[in-house]
PDB file of all heavy atoms in Angstrom:
ATOM      1  N   GLY A   1      -0.464  -6.382 -14.908  1.00  0.00           N
ATOM      2  CA  GLY A   1      -0.596  -7.809 -14.615  1.00  0.00           C
ATOM      3  C   GLY A   1      -0.478  -8.130 -13.121  1.00  0.00           C
ATOM      4  O   GLY A   1      -1.089  -9.064 -12.657  1.00  0.00           O
ATOM      5  N   ASN A   2       0.325  -7.350 -12.428  1.00  0.00           N
ATOM      6  CA  ASN A   2       0.403  -7.501 -10.949  1.00  0.00           C
ATOM      7  C   ASN A   2      -0.880  -6.972 -10.322  1.00  0.00           C
ATOM      8  O   ASN A   2      -1.628  -6.272 -10.953  1.00  0.00           O
ATOM      9  CB  ASN A   2       1.623  -6.768 -10.377  1.00  0.00           C
ATOM     10  CG  ASN A   2       2.893  -7.575 -10.527  1.00  0.00           C
ATOM     11  OD1 ASN A   2       2.878  -8.735 -10.975  1.00  0.00           O
ATOM     12  ND2 ASN A   2       4.048  -6.974 -10.159  1.00  0.00           N
ATOM     13  N   ARG A   3      -1.016  -7.286  -9.055  1.00  0.00           N
ATOM     14  CA  ARG A   3      -2.180  -6.763  -8.307  1.00  0.00           C
ATOM     15  C   ARG A   3      -1.733  -5.775  -7.222  1.00  0.00           C
ATOM     16  O   ARG A   3      -0.561  -5.720  -6.851  1.00  0.00           O
ATOM     17  CB  ARG A   3      -2.965  -7.947  -7.644  1.00  0.00           C
ATOM     18  CG  ARG A   3      -3.607  -8.881  -8.650  1.00  0.00           C
ATOM     19  CD  ARG A   3      -4.392  -9.973  -7.904  1.00  0.00           C
ATOM     20  NE  ARG A   3      -5.012 -10.903  -8.798  1.00  0.00           N
ATOM     21  CZ  ARG A   3      -6.258 -10.743  -9.314  1.00  0.00           C
ATOM     22  NH1 ARG A   3      -6.933  -9.683  -9.009  1.00  0.00           N
ATOM     23  NH2 ARG A   3      -6.757 -11.683 -10.101  1.00  0.00           N
ATOM     24  N   ILE A   4      -2.714  -5.053  -6.738  1.00  0.00           N
ATOM     25  CA  ILE A   4      -2.411  -4.077  -5.674  1.00  0.00           C
ATOM     26  C   ILE A   4      -1.764  -4.774  -4.477  1.00  0.00           C
ATOM     27  O   ILE A   4      -0.830  -4.277  -3.862  1.00  0.00           O
ATOM     28  CB  ILE A   4      -3.683  -3.350  -5.221  1.00  0.00           C
ATOM     29  CG1 ILE A   4      -4.235  -2.397  -6.325  1.00  0.00           C
ATOM     30  CG2 ILE A   4      -3.460  -2.544  -3.914  1.00  0.00           C
ATOM     31  CD1 ILE A   4      -3.332  -1.281  -6.671  1.00  0.00           C
ATOM     32  N   GLY A   5      -2.252  -5.991  -4.146  1.00  0.00           N
ATOM     33  CA  GLY A   5      -1.674  -6.744  -3.043  1.00  0.00           C
ATOM     34  C   GLY A   5      -0.223  -7.072  -3.208  1.00  0.00           C
ATOM     35  O   GLY A   5       0.494  -7.209  -2.203  1.00  0.00           O
ATOM     36  N   ASP A   6       0.240  -7.155  -4.427  1.00  0.00           N
ATOM     37  CA  ASP A   6       1.665  -7.409  -4.659  1.00  0.00           C
ATOM     38  C   ASP A   6       2.512  -6.204  -4.224  1.00  0.00           C
ATOM     39  O   ASP A   6       3.593  -6.348  -3.657  1.00  0.00           O
ATOM     40  CB  ASP A   6       1.937  -7.715  -6.124  1.00  0.00           C
ATOM     41  CG  ASP A   6       1.215  -8.966  -6.601  1.00  0.00           C
ATOM     42  OD1 ASP A   6       1.090  -9.913  -5.805  1.00  0.00           O
ATOM     43  OD2 ASP A   6       0.708  -8.985  -7.734  1.00  0.00           O
ATOM     44  N   ILE A   7       1.999  -4.995  -4.479  1.00  0.00           N
ATOM     45  CA  ILE A   7       2.652  -3.776  -4.023  1.00  0.00           C
ATOM     46  C   ILE A   7       2.677  -3.748  -2.494  1.00  0.00           C
ATOM     47  O   ILE A   7       3.709  -3.530  -1.829  1.00  0.00           O
ATOM     48  CB  ILE A   7       1.933  -2.528  -4.552  1.00  0.00           C
ATOM     49  CG1 ILE A   7       1.900  -2.528  -6.092  1.00  0.00           C
ATOM     50  CG2 ILE A   7       2.596  -1.246  -4.007  1.00  0.00           C
ATOM     51  CD1 ILE A   7       0.989  -1.433  -6.662  1.00  0.00           C
ATOM     52  N   SER A   8       1.516  -4.003  -1.891  1.00  0.00           N
ATOM     53  CA  SER A   8       1.371  -3.980  -0.435  1.00  0.00           C
ATOM     54  C   SER A   8       2.313  -4.934   0.233  1.00  0.00           C
ATOM     55  O   SER A   8       3.014  -4.590   1.219  1.00  0.00           O
ATOM     56  CB  SER A   8      -0.082  -4.326  -0.061  1.00  0.00           C
ATOM     57  OG  SER A   8      -1.007  -3.535  -0.742  1.00  0.00           O
ATOM     58  N   HIS A   9       2.378  -6.151  -0.260  1.00  0.00           N
ATOM     59  CA  HIS A   9       3.182  -7.191   0.340  1.00  0.00           C
ATOM     60  C   HIS A   9       4.700  -6.868   0.225  1.00  0.00           C
ATOM     61  O   HIS A   9       5.463  -7.101   1.147  1.00  0.00           O
ATOM     62  CB  HIS A   9       2.894  -8.524  -0.339  1.00  0.00           C
ATOM     63  CG  HIS A   9       3.676  -9.697   0.213  1.00  0.00           C
ATOM     64  ND1 HIS A   9       3.441 -10.208   1.463  1.00  0.00           N
ATOM     65  CD2 HIS A   9       4.712 -10.362  -0.326  1.00  0.00           C
ATOM     66  CE1 HIS A   9       4.299 -11.196   1.667  1.00  0.00           C
ATOM     67  NE2 HIS A   9       5.077 -11.315   0.645  1.00  0.00           N
ATOM     68  N   ALA A  10       5.094  -6.357  -0.943  1.00  0.00           N
ATOM     69  CA  ALA A  10       6.510  -6.026  -1.139  1.00  0.00           C
ATOM     70  C   ALA A  10       6.961  -4.938  -0.158  1.00  0.00           C
ATOM     71  O   ALA A  10       8.082  -5.032   0.384  1.00  0.00           O
ATOM     72  CB  ALA A  10       6.708  -5.566  -2.581  1.00  0.00           C
ATOM     73  N   ILE A  11       6.118  -3.941   0.062  1.00  0.00           N
ATOM     74  CA  ILE A  11       6.446  -2.875   0.989  1.00  0.00           C
ATOM     75  C   ILE A  11       6.544  -3.408   2.413  1.00  0.00           C
ATOM     76  O   ILE A  11       7.507  -3.130   3.133  1.00  0.00           O
ATOM     77  CB  ILE A  11       5.424  -1.732   0.872  1.00  0.00           C
ATOM     78  CG1 ILE A  11       5.593  -1.008  -0.462  1.00  0.00           C
ATOM     79  CG2 ILE A  11       5.549  -0.732   2.058  1.00  0.00           C
ATOM     80  CD1 ILE A  11       4.445  -0.042  -0.747  1.00  0.00           C
ATOM     81  N   GLN A  12       5.507  -4.125   2.842  1.00  0.00           N
ATOM     82  CA  GLN A  12       5.503  -4.648   4.232  1.00  0.00           C
ATOM     83  C   GLN A  12       6.669  -5.556   4.474  1.00  0.00           C
ATOM     84  O   GLN A  12       7.317  -5.475   5.534  1.00  0.00           O
ATOM     85  CB  GLN A  12       4.197  -5.387   4.481  1.00  0.00           C
ATOM     86  CG  GLN A  12       4.093  -5.958   5.870  1.00  0.00           C
ATOM     87  CD  GLN A  12       2.820  -6.744   6.129  1.00  0.00           C
ATOM     88  OE1 GLN A  12       2.123  -7.094   5.190  1.00  0.00           O
ATOM     89  NE2 GLN A  12       2.521  -7.019   7.377  1.00  0.00           N
ATOM     90  N   SER A  13       7.000  -6.422   3.508  1.00  0.00           N
ATOM     91  CA  SER A  13       8.100  -7.388   3.707  1.00  0.00           C
ATOM     92  C   SER A  13       9.407  -6.665   3.919  1.00  0.00           C
ATOM     93  O   SER A  13      10.202  -7.062   4.806  1.00  0.00           O
ATOM     94  CB  SER A  13       8.185  -8.275   2.467  1.00  0.00           C
ATOM     95  OG  SER A  13       7.027  -9.080   2.322  1.00  0.00           O
ATOM     96  N   HIS A  14       9.651  -5.615   3.141  1.00  0.00           N
ATOM     97  CA  HIS A  14      10.932  -4.877   3.311  1.00  0.00           C
ATOM     98  C   HIS A  14      10.964  -4.118   4.602  1.00  0.00           C
ATOM     99  O   HIS A  14      11.976  -4.193   5.342  1.00  0.00           O
ATOM    100  CB  HIS A  14      11.106  -3.914   2.121  1.00  0.00           C
ATOM    101  CG  HIS A  14      12.438  -3.260   2.160  1.00  0.00           C
ATOM    102  ND1 HIS A  14      13.645  -3.898   2.005  1.00  0.00           N
ATOM    103  CD2 HIS A  14      12.787  -1.915   2.357  1.00  0.00           C
ATOM    104  CE1 HIS A  14      14.661  -3.045   2.091  1.00  0.00           C
ATOM    105  NE2 HIS A  14      14.161  -1.856   2.315  1.00  0.00           N
ATOM    106  N   ALA A  15       9.899  -3.443   4.964  1.00  0.00           N
ATOM    107  CA  ALA A  15       9.885  -2.651   6.213  1.00  0.00           C
ATOM    108  C   ALA A  15      10.108  -3.518   7.433  1.00  0.00           C
ATOM    109  O   ALA A  15      10.907  -3.220   8.317  1.00  0.00           O
ATOM    110  CB  ALA A  15       8.591  -1.876   6.333  1.00  0.00           C
ATOM    111  N   GLU A  16       9.377  -4.651   7.487  1.00  0.00           N
ATOM    112  CA  GLU A  16       9.444  -5.502   8.672  1.00  0.00           C
ATOM    113  C   GLU A  16      10.773  -6.249   8.750  1.00  0.00           C
ATOM    114  O   GLU A  16      11.254  -6.512   9.831  1.00  0.00           O
ATOM    115  CB  GLU A  16       8.239  -6.411   8.670  1.00  0.00           C
ATOM    116  CG  GLU A  16       6.944  -5.719   8.919  1.00  0.00           C
ATOM    117  CD  GLU A  16       5.734  -6.602   8.972  1.00  0.00           C
ATOM    118  OE1 GLU A  16       5.857  -7.820   8.656  1.00  0.00           O
ATOM    119  OE2 GLU A  16       4.648  -6.126   9.311  1.00  0.00           O
ATOM    120  N   ALA A  17      11.359  -6.550   7.594  1.00  0.00           N
ATOM    121  CA  ALA A  17      12.688  -7.198   7.571  1.00  0.00           C
ATOM    122  C   ALA A  17      13.749  -6.288   8.190  1.00  0.00           C
ATOM    123  O   ALA A  17      14.771  -6.751   8.701  1.00  0.00           O
ATOM    124  CB  ALA A  17      13.070  -7.601   6.163  1.00  0.00           C
ATOM    125  N   GLN A  18      13.513  -4.949   8.128  1.00  0.00           N
ATOM    126  CA  GLN A  18      14.431  -3.990   8.682  1.00  0.00           C
ATOM    127  C   GLN A  18      14.085  -3.604  10.124  1.00  0.00           C
ATOM    128  O   GLN A  18      14.688  -2.717  10.708  1.00  0.00           O
ATOM    129  CB  GLN A  18      14.462  -2.729   7.784  1.00  0.00           C
ATOM    130  CG  GLN A  18      14.929  -2.983   6.380  1.00  0.00           C
ATOM    131  CD  GLN A  18      16.376  -3.460   6.353  1.00  0.00           C
ATOM    132  OE1 GLN A  18      17.226  -2.933   7.043  1.00  0.00           O
ATOM    133  NE2 GLN A  18      16.647  -4.470   5.519  1.00  0.00           N
ATOM    134  N   GLY A  19      13.057  -4.272  10.686  1.00  0.00           N
ATOM    135  CA  GLY A  19      12.714  -4.054  12.091  1.00  0.00           C
ATOM    136  C   GLY A  19      11.704  -2.924  12.330  1.00  0.00           C
ATOM    137  O   GLY A  19      11.481  -2.543  13.485  1.00  0.00           O
ATOM    138  N   PHE A  20      11.051  -2.428  11.271  1.00  0.00           N
ATOM    139  CA  PHE A  20      10.076  -1.358  11.378  1.00  0.00           C
ATOM    140  C   PHE A  20       8.670  -1.892  11.215  1.00  0.00           C
ATOM    141  O   PHE A  20       8.478  -3.061  10.799  1.00  0.00           O
ATOM    142  CB  PHE A  20      10.378  -0.259  10.381  1.00  0.00           C
ATOM    143  CG  PHE A  20      11.737   0.427  10.611  1.00  0.00           C
ATOM    144  CD1 PHE A  20      12.580   0.616   9.526  1.00  0.00           C
ATOM    145  CD2 PHE A  20      12.119   0.870  11.853  1.00  0.00           C
ATOM    146  CE1 PHE A  20      13.806   1.245   9.710  1.00  0.00           C
ATOM    147  CE2 PHE A  20      13.318   1.484  12.042  1.00  0.00           C
ATOM    148  CZ  PHE A  20      14.177   1.678  10.975  1.00  0.00           C
ATOM    149  N   SER A  21       7.681  -1.038  11.481  1.00  0.00           N
ATOM    150  CA  SER A  21       6.282  -1.432  11.277  1.00  0.00           C
ATOM    151  C   SER A  21       5.631  -0.522  10.255  1.00  0.00           C
ATOM    152  O   SER A  21       6.083   0.591  10.007  1.00  0.00           O
ATOM    153  CB  SER A  21       5.516  -1.346  12.611  1.00  0.00           C
ATOM    154  OG  SER A  21       5.420   0.013  13.030  1.00  0.00           O
ATOM    155  N   VAL A  22       4.528  -0.994   9.655  1.00  0.00           N
ATOM    156  CA  VAL A  22       3.828  -0.331   8.593  1.00  0.00           C
ATOM    157  C   VAL A  22       2.479   0.163   9.087  1.00  0.00           C
ATOM    158  O   VAL A  22       1.679  -0.625   9.597  1.00  0.00           O
ATOM    159  CB  VAL A  22       3.633  -1.216   7.372  1.00  0.00           C
ATOM    160  CG1 VAL A  22       2.922  -0.498   6.260  1.00  0.00           C
ATOM    161  CG2 VAL A  22       4.957  -1.813   6.883  1.00  0.00           C
ATOM    162  N   VAL A  23       2.221   1.450   8.940  1.00  0.00           N
ATOM    163  CA  VAL A  23       0.925   2.008   9.359  1.00  0.00           C
ATOM    164  C   VAL A  23      -0.214   1.377   8.546  1.00  0.00           C
ATOM    165  O   VAL A  23      -0.121   1.309   7.299  1.00  0.00           O
ATOM    166  CB  VAL A  23       0.942   3.543   9.201  1.00  0.00           C
ATOM    167  CG1 VAL A  23      -0.459   4.105   9.414  1.00  0.00           C
ATOM    168  CG2 VAL A  23       1.964   4.154  10.154  1.00  0.00           C
ATOM    169  N   ARG A  24      -1.247   0.960   9.192  1.00  0.00           N
ATOM    170  CA  ARG A  24      -2.396   0.302   8.543  1.00  0.00           C
ATOM    171  C   ARG A  24      -3.523   1.260   8.177  1.00  0.00           C
ATOM    172  O   ARG A  24      -4.320   0.975   7.287  1.00  0.00           O
ATOM    173  CB  ARG A  24      -2.993  -0.742   9.441  1.00  0.00           C
ATOM    174  CG  ARG A  24      -2.458  -2.167   9.298  1.00  0.00           C
ATOM    175  CD  ARG A  24      -1.026  -2.355   9.755  1.00  0.00           C
ATOM    176  NE  ARG A  24      -0.711  -3.761   9.887  1.00  0.00           N
ATOM    177  CZ  ARG A  24       0.512  -4.275   9.942  1.00  0.00           C
ATOM    178  NH1 ARG A  24       1.557  -3.475   9.876  1.00  0.00           N
ATOM    179  NH2 ARG A  24       0.738  -5.534  10.060  1.00  0.00           N
ATOM    180  N   ASP A  25      -3.641   2.360   8.885  1.00  0.00           N
ATOM    181  CA  ASP A  25      -4.861   3.188   8.836  1.00  0.00           C
ATOM    182  C   ASP A  25      -4.949   4.107   7.621  1.00  0.00           C
ATOM    183  O   ASP A  25      -6.008   4.703   7.371  1.00  0.00           O
ATOM    184  CB  ASP A  25      -5.003   3.978  10.091  1.00  0.00           C
ATOM    185  CG  ASP A  25      -5.117   3.109  11.341  1.00  0.00           C
ATOM    186  OD1 ASP A  25      -4.106   2.528  11.762  1.00  0.00           O
ATOM    187  OD2 ASP A  25      -6.257   2.997  11.856  1.00  0.00           O
ATOM    188  N   PHE A  26      -3.855   4.305   6.912  1.00  0.00           N
ATOM    189  CA  PHE A  26      -3.841   5.196   5.752  1.00  0.00           C
ATOM    190  C   PHE A  26      -3.263   4.470   4.555  1.00  0.00           C
ATOM    191  O   PHE A  26      -2.364   3.638   4.736  1.00  0.00           O
ATOM    192  CB  PHE A  26      -3.028   6.460   6.039  1.00  0.00           C
ATOM    193  CG  PHE A  26      -3.576   7.258   7.200  1.00  0.00           C
ATOM    194  CD1 PHE A  26      -3.001   7.160   8.468  1.00  0.00           C
ATOM    195  CD2 PHE A  26      -4.659   8.143   7.009  1.00  0.00           C
ATOM    196  CE1 PHE A  26      -3.505   7.909   9.521  1.00  0.00           C
ATOM    197  CE2 PHE A  26      -5.167   8.864   8.052  1.00  0.00           C
ATOM    198  CZ  PHE A  26      -4.603   8.750   9.318  1.00  0.00           C
ATOM    199  N   THR A  27      -3.770   4.772   3.384  1.00  0.00           N
ATOM    200  CA  THR A  27      -3.370   4.060   2.179  1.00  0.00           C
ATOM    201  C   THR A  27      -3.057   5.040   1.065  1.00  0.00           C
ATOM    202  O   THR A  27      -3.414   6.227   1.137  1.00  0.00           O
ATOM    203  CB  THR A  27      -4.493   3.143   1.673  1.00  0.00           C
ATOM    204  OG1 THR A  27      -5.571   3.936   1.144  1.00  0.00           O
ATOM    205  CG2 THR A  27      -5.006   2.243   2.783  1.00  0.00           C
ATOM    206  N   GLY A  28      -2.367   4.529   0.036  1.00  0.00           N
ATOM    207  CA  GLY A  28      -2.308   5.247  -1.226  1.00  0.00           C
ATOM    208  C   GLY A  28      -3.672   5.221  -1.877  1.00  0.00           C
ATOM    209  O   GLY A  28      -4.617   4.513  -1.450  1.00  0.00           O
ATOM    210  N   HIS A  29      -3.855   5.993  -2.950  1.00  0.00           N
ATOM    211  CA  HIS A  29      -5.175   6.183  -3.515  1.00  0.00           C
ATOM    212  C   HIS A  29      -5.114   6.582  -4.984  1.00  0.00           C
ATOM    213  O   HIS A  29      -4.109   7.148  -5.440  1.00  0.00           O
ATOM    214  CB  HIS A  29      -5.938   7.235  -2.728  1.00  0.00           C
ATOM    215  CG  HIS A  29      -5.158   8.524  -2.551  1.00  0.00           C
ATOM    216  ND1 HIS A  29      -5.156   9.545  -3.520  1.00  0.00           N
ATOM    217  CD2 HIS A  29      -4.291   8.931  -1.568  1.00  0.00           C
ATOM    218  CE1 HIS A  29      -4.326  10.523  -3.132  1.00  0.00           C
ATOM    219  NE2 HIS A  29      -3.802  10.192  -1.935  1.00  0.00           N
ATOM    220  N   GLY A  30      -6.185   6.349  -5.662  1.00  0.00           N
ATOM    221  CA  GLY A  30      -6.318   6.853  -7.033  1.00  0.00           C
ATOM    222  C   GLY A  30      -6.363   8.384  -6.981  1.00  0.00           C
ATOM    223  O   GLY A  30      -6.770   8.978  -5.979  1.00  0.00           O
ATOM    224  N   ILE A  31      -5.933   9.004  -8.063  1.00  0.00           N
ATOM    225  CA  ILE A  31      -5.876  10.481  -8.119  1.00  0.00           C
ATOM    226  C   ILE A  31      -6.024  10.913  -9.598  1.00  0.00           C
ATOM    227  O   ILE A  31      -5.613  10.159 -10.487  1.00  0.00           O
ATOM    228  CB  ILE A  31      -4.595  11.030  -7.497  1.00  0.00           C
ATOM    229  CG1 ILE A  31      -4.621  12.542  -7.412  1.00  0.00           C
ATOM    230  CG2 ILE A  31      -3.350  10.470  -8.226  1.00  0.00           C
ATOM    231  CD1 ILE A  31      -3.482  13.143  -6.580  1.00  0.00           C
ATOM    232  N   GLY A  32      -6.600  12.066  -9.818  1.00  0.00           N
ATOM    233  CA  GLY A  32      -6.746  12.613 -11.162  1.00  0.00           C
ATOM    234  C   GLY A  32      -7.220  14.047 -11.071  1.00  0.00           C
ATOM    235  O   GLY A  32      -6.455  14.923 -10.831  1.00  0.00           O
ATOM    236  N   GLN A  33      -8.540  14.245 -11.255  1.00  0.00           N
ATOM    237  CA  GLN A  33      -9.105  15.561 -11.094  1.00  0.00           C
ATOM    238  C   GLN A  33      -9.668  15.749  -9.692  1.00  0.00           C
ATOM    239  O   GLN A  33     -10.089  16.826  -9.321  1.00  0.00           O
ATOM    240  CB  GLN A  33     -10.142  15.851 -12.140  1.00  0.00           C
ATOM    241  CG  GLN A  33      -9.546  15.990 -13.541  1.00  0.00           C
ATOM    242  CD  GLN A  33     -10.543  16.449 -14.564  1.00  0.00           C
ATOM    243  OE1 GLN A  33     -11.438  15.698 -14.989  1.00  0.00           O
ATOM    244  NE2 GLN A  33     -10.375  17.676 -15.053  1.00  0.00           N
ATOM    245  N   THR A  34      -9.697  14.691  -8.912  1.00  0.00           N
ATOM    246  CA  THR A  34     -10.009  14.746  -7.492  1.00  0.00           C
ATOM    247  C   THR A  34      -8.894  14.083  -6.726  1.00  0.00           C
ATOM    248  O   THR A  34      -8.211  13.231  -7.246  1.00  0.00           O
ATOM    249  CB  THR A  34     -11.354  14.086  -7.181  1.00  0.00           C
ATOM    250  OG1 THR A  34     -11.321  12.718  -7.615  1.00  0.00           O
ATOM    251  CG2 THR A  34     -12.507  14.808  -7.853  1.00  0.00           C
ATOM    252  N   MET A  35      -8.759  14.465  -5.458  1.00  0.00           N
ATOM    253  CA  MET A  35      -7.606  14.031  -4.683  1.00  0.00           C
ATOM    254  C   MET A  35      -7.656  12.563  -4.334  1.00  0.00           C
ATOM    255  O   MET A  35      -6.621  11.881  -4.300  1.00  0.00           O
ATOM    256  CB  MET A  35      -7.494  14.868  -3.419  1.00  0.00           C
ATOM    257  CG  MET A  35      -6.177  14.705  -2.703  1.00  0.00           C
ATOM    258  SD  MET A  35      -5.817  15.803  -1.302  1.00  0.00           S
ATOM    259  CE  MET A  35      -7.191  16.891  -1.160  1.00  0.00           C
ATOM    260  N   HIS A  36      -8.826  12.052  -4.038  1.00  0.00           N
ATOM    261  CA  HIS A  36      -8.974  10.637  -3.639  1.00  0.00           C
ATOM    262  C   HIS A  36     -10.021   9.962  -4.509  1.00  0.00           C
ATOM    263  O   HIS A  36     -11.200  10.089  -4.324  1.00  0.00           O
ATOM    264  CB  HIS A  36      -9.402  10.567  -2.163  1.00  0.00           C
ATOM    265  CG  HIS A  36      -8.435  11.123  -1.210  1.00  0.00           C
ATOM    266  ND1 HIS A  36      -8.672  12.267  -0.466  1.00  0.00           N
ATOM    267  CD2 HIS A  36      -7.180  10.732  -0.876  1.00  0.00           C
ATOM    268  CE1 HIS A  36      -7.606  12.549   0.279  1.00  0.00           C
ATOM    269  NE2 HIS A  36      -6.681  11.640   0.074  1.00  0.00           N
ATOM    270  N   GLU A  37      -9.468   9.235  -5.505  1.00  0.00           N
ATOM    271  CA  GLU A  37     -10.353   8.429  -6.347  1.00  0.00           C
ATOM    272  C   GLU A  37     -10.480   7.000  -5.728  1.00  0.00           C
ATOM    273  O   GLU A  37      -9.771   6.705  -4.760  1.00  0.00           O
ATOM    274  CB  GLU A  37      -9.818   8.378  -7.763  1.00  0.00           C
ATOM    275  CG  GLU A  37      -9.856   9.708  -8.474  1.00  0.00           C
ATOM    276  CD  GLU A  37      -9.440   9.648  -9.927  1.00  0.00           C
ATOM    277  OE1 GLU A  37      -8.978   8.565 -10.371  1.00  0.00           O
ATOM    278  OE2 GLU A  37      -9.540  10.660 -10.655  1.00  0.00           O
ATOM    279  N   ASP A  38     -11.305   6.171  -6.292  1.00  0.00           N
ATOM    280  CA  ASP A  38     -11.721   4.966  -5.620  1.00  0.00           C
ATOM    281  C   ASP A  38     -10.614   3.971  -5.307  1.00  0.00           C
ATOM    282  O   ASP A  38     -10.667   3.272  -4.289  1.00  0.00           O
ATOM    283  CB  ASP A  38     -12.755   4.209  -6.513  1.00  0.00           C
ATOM    284  CG  ASP A  38     -14.161   4.816  -6.408  1.00  0.00           C
ATOM    285  OD1 ASP A  38     -14.343   5.588  -5.477  1.00  0.00           O
ATOM    286  OD2 ASP A  38     -15.012   4.504  -7.219  1.00  0.00           O
ATOM    287  N   LEU A  39      -9.591   3.833  -6.107  1.00  0.00           N
ATOM    288  CA  LEU A  39      -8.557   2.843  -5.889  1.00  0.00           C
ATOM    289  C   LEU A  39      -7.827   3.081  -4.597  1.00  0.00           C
ATOM    290  O   LEU A  39      -7.394   4.213  -4.342  1.00  0.00           O
ATOM    291  CB  LEU A  39      -7.579   2.866  -7.051  1.00  0.00           C
ATOM    292  CG  LEU A  39      -6.541   1.739  -7.084  1.00  0.00           C
ATOM    293  CD1 LEU A  39      -7.213   0.386  -7.272  1.00  0.00           C
ATOM    294  CD2 LEU A  39      -5.502   2.011  -8.181  1.00  0.00           C
ATOM    295  N   GLN A  40      -7.653   2.046  -3.780  1.00  0.00           N
ATOM    296  CA  GLN A  40      -6.911   2.173  -2.535  1.00  0.00           C
ATOM    297  C   GLN A  40      -5.676   1.268  -2.630  1.00  0.00           C
ATOM    298  O   GLN A  40      -5.746   0.152  -3.141  1.00  0.00           O
ATOM    299  CB  GLN A  40      -7.740   1.750  -1.313  1.00  0.00           C
ATOM    300  CG  GLN A  40      -8.861   2.760  -0.980  1.00  0.00           C
ATOM    301  CD  GLN A  40      -9.486   2.492   0.358  1.00  0.00           C
ATOM    302  OE1 GLN A  40      -9.456   1.375   0.897  1.00  0.00           O
ATOM    303  NE2 GLN A  40     -10.026   3.520   0.960  1.00  0.00           N
ATOM    304  N   VAL A  41      -4.558   1.760  -2.087  1.00  0.00           N
ATOM    305  CA  VAL A  41      -3.263   1.053  -2.161  1.00  0.00           C
ATOM    306  C   VAL A  41      -2.727   0.918  -0.743  1.00  0.00           C
ATOM    307  O   VAL A  41      -1.975   1.758  -0.265  1.00  0.00           O
ATOM    308  CB  VAL A  41      -2.274   1.797  -3.069  1.00  0.00           C
ATOM    309  CG1 VAL A  41      -0.997   0.941  -3.258  1.00  0.00           C
ATOM    310  CG2 VAL A  41      -2.897   2.120  -4.412  1.00  0.00           C
ATOM    311  N   PRO A  42      -3.108  -0.157  -0.015  1.00  0.00           N
ATOM    312  CA  PRO A  42      -2.523  -0.393   1.297  1.00  0.00           C
ATOM    313  C   PRO A  42      -1.022  -0.669   1.194  1.00  0.00           C
ATOM    314  O   PRO A  42      -0.558  -1.112   0.153  1.00  0.00           O
ATOM    315  CB  PRO A  42      -3.269  -1.633   1.813  1.00  0.00           C
ATOM    316  CG  PRO A  42      -4.487  -1.754   0.968  1.00  0.00           C
ATOM    317  CD  PRO A  42      -4.076  -1.202  -0.380  1.00  0.00           C
ATOM    318  N   HIS A  43      -0.332  -0.459   2.270  1.00  0.00           N
ATOM    319  CA  HIS A  43       1.125  -0.710   2.295  1.00  0.00           C
ATOM    320  C   HIS A  43       1.491  -1.951   3.101  1.00  0.00           C
ATOM    321  O   HIS A  43       2.633  -2.162   3.474  1.00  0.00           O
ATOM    322  CB  HIS A  43       1.848   0.539   2.836  1.00  0.00           C
ATOM    323  CG  HIS A  43       1.463   1.770   2.094  1.00  0.00           C
ATOM    324  ND1 HIS A  43       0.656   2.761   2.624  1.00  0.00           N
ATOM    325  CD2 HIS A  43       1.742   2.165   0.809  1.00  0.00           C
ATOM    326  CE1 HIS A  43       0.486   3.710   1.725  1.00  0.00           C
ATOM    327  NE2 HIS A  43       1.100   3.388   0.622  1.00  0.00           N
ATOM    328  N   TYR A  44       0.495  -2.798   3.307  1.00  0.00           N
ATOM    329  CA  TYR A  44       0.700  -4.089   3.960  1.00  0.00           C
ATOM    330  C   TYR A  44      -0.367  -5.015   3.366  1.00  0.00           C
ATOM    331  O   TYR A  44      -1.394  -4.574   2.863  1.00  0.00           O
ATOM    332  CB  TYR A  44       0.491  -3.955   5.471  1.00  0.00           C
ATOM    333  CG  TYR A  44      -0.946  -3.798   5.889  1.00  0.00           C
ATOM    334  CD1 TYR A  44      -1.696  -4.866   6.338  1.00  0.00           C
ATOM    335  CD2 TYR A  44      -1.564  -2.563   5.766  1.00  0.00           C
ATOM    336  CE1 TYR A  44      -3.025  -4.697   6.664  1.00  0.00           C
ATOM    337  CE2 TYR A  44      -2.894  -2.368   6.070  1.00  0.00           C
ATOM    338  CZ  TYR A  44      -3.610  -3.442   6.539  1.00  0.00           C
ATOM    339  OH  TYR A  44      -4.955  -3.305   6.853  1.00  0.00           O
ATOM    340  N   GLY A  45      -0.089  -6.297   3.454  1.00  0.00           N
ATOM    341  CA  GLY A  45      -1.106  -7.264   3.007  1.00  0.00           C
ATOM    342  C   GLY A  45      -0.526  -8.459   2.272  1.00  0.00           C
ATOM    343  O   GLY A  45       0.719  -8.627   2.191  1.00  0.00           O
ATOM    344  N   ARG A  46      -1.376  -9.286   1.734  1.00  0.00           N
ATOM    345  CA  ARG A  46      -0.979 -10.529   1.076  1.00  0.00           C
ATOM    346  C   ARG A  46      -0.862 -10.285  -0.446  1.00  0.00           C
ATOM    347  O   ARG A  46      -1.560  -9.476  -1.030  1.00  0.00           O
ATOM    348  CB  ARG A  46      -2.051 -11.580   1.363  1.00  0.00           C
ATOM    349  CG  ARG A  46      -2.152 -11.893   2.837  1.00  0.00           C
ATOM    350  CD  ARG A  46      -3.324 -12.820   3.101  1.00  0.00           C
ATOM    351  NE  ARG A  46      -3.159 -14.125   2.436  1.00  0.00           N
ATOM    352  CZ  ARG A  46      -4.107 -15.072   2.409  1.00  0.00           C
ATOM    353  NH1 ARG A  46      -5.259 -14.833   3.025  1.00  0.00           N
ATOM    354  NH2 ARG A  46      -3.899 -16.194   1.795  1.00  0.00           N
TER     355      ARG A  46
END
């Protein structure tokens, strides 16, 4: 029921509240029988 953006926002909020920054250029990803499936999971966002 949650969205990918909920994951992204929760991570960014915690990191920045502690004075750190979140890398934008790499994301989590879908995985199964191949290493990178279509789903992307950014670690920052709305």
